[in-house]
Protein backbone atom coordinates (compact mmCIF):
# COMPACT_ATOMS: atom_id res chain seq x y z
CA MET A 1 69.95 96.84 147.32
CA THR A 2 72.36 99.15 145.54
CA LEU A 3 71.27 100.81 142.33
CA ASP A 4 72.72 103.76 140.40
CA SER A 5 71.45 107.26 141.03
CA PRO A 6 68.72 108.51 138.68
CA ARG A 7 70.06 110.19 135.53
CA LYS A 8 68.86 111.25 132.10
CA GLY A 9 68.48 108.31 129.73
CA LEU A 10 68.31 105.67 132.46
CA ILE A 11 65.26 103.50 131.77
CA LYS A 12 65.46 100.47 134.06
CA GLN A 13 67.79 98.70 136.50
CA GLU A 14 67.64 95.15 137.85
CA LEU A 15 69.47 93.53 140.72
CA ILE A 16 69.31 89.72 140.74
CA SER A 17 70.36 87.56 143.68
CA TYR A 18 70.23 83.83 144.31
CA GLU A 19 69.65 82.71 147.88
CA ILE A 20 69.01 79.45 149.72
CA ASP A 21 66.08 79.67 152.12
CA GLU A 22 67.27 78.01 155.32
CA GLN A 23 63.79 76.89 156.39
CA THR A 24 62.78 75.22 153.11
CA SER A 25 66.21 74.50 151.55
CA MET A 26 64.91 76.04 148.31
CA LEU A 27 67.12 78.02 145.92
CA ILE A 28 65.32 81.32 145.34
CA LYS A 29 65.95 83.84 142.55
CA LYS A 30 65.12 87.36 143.79
CA THR A 31 64.85 90.21 141.28
CA HIS A 32 64.60 93.85 142.33
CA THR A 33 63.59 96.18 139.49
CA ARG A 34 63.53 99.97 139.29
CA ARG A 35 61.73 101.52 136.29
CA TYR A 36 62.32 105.22 135.67
CA ALA A 37 59.86 107.76 134.31
CA GLU A 38 60.77 109.84 131.25
CA ASP A 39 61.90 112.70 133.51
CA GLY A 40 64.73 110.49 134.82
CA ILE A 41 63.83 111.34 138.42
CA ASP A 42 60.63 109.52 139.33
CA TYR A 43 60.72 105.73 139.53
CA ILE A 44 58.73 102.66 140.59
CA ASP A 45 60.37 99.79 142.48
CA SER A 46 59.14 96.20 142.30
CA HIS A 47 60.46 92.79 143.21
CA THR A 48 59.83 89.15 142.40
CA SER A 49 60.80 85.95 144.16
CA GLU A 50 61.01 82.72 142.15
CA PRO A 51 61.73 79.30 143.73
CA LEU A 52 64.07 77.37 141.42
CA CYS A 53 64.87 74.02 143.04
CA ARG A 54 65.50 72.32 146.35
CA ALA A 55 69.13 72.44 147.52
CA ALA A 56 70.69 69.33 149.08
CA VAL A 57 73.00 69.65 152.08
CA ASN A 58 76.49 68.20 151.64
CA LYS A 59 78.74 67.80 154.71
CA GLU A 60 81.88 68.87 152.81
CA THR A 61 80.58 71.81 150.77
CA GLN A 62 77.43 72.75 152.74
CA PHE A 63 75.28 72.72 149.58
CA ASP A 64 75.38 70.42 146.59
CA GLU A 65 73.76 70.60 143.19
CA ASP A 66 70.27 69.18 142.80
CA GLY A 67 71.29 66.09 144.74
């Protein structure tokens, strides 16, 4: 996870990635969030993981739309 360095006025950063879980073939949306305190130095990190849909394997493209 790569986020900017803390600085004055920075309130929150989010990094969103979409991944296919190889074991379940589910498309997962992963969100990493960093919320900064008013001092611009202290922060709290959190993350969420949200399954979106099952991905279908396609021989030509590896993964197909919802198919």
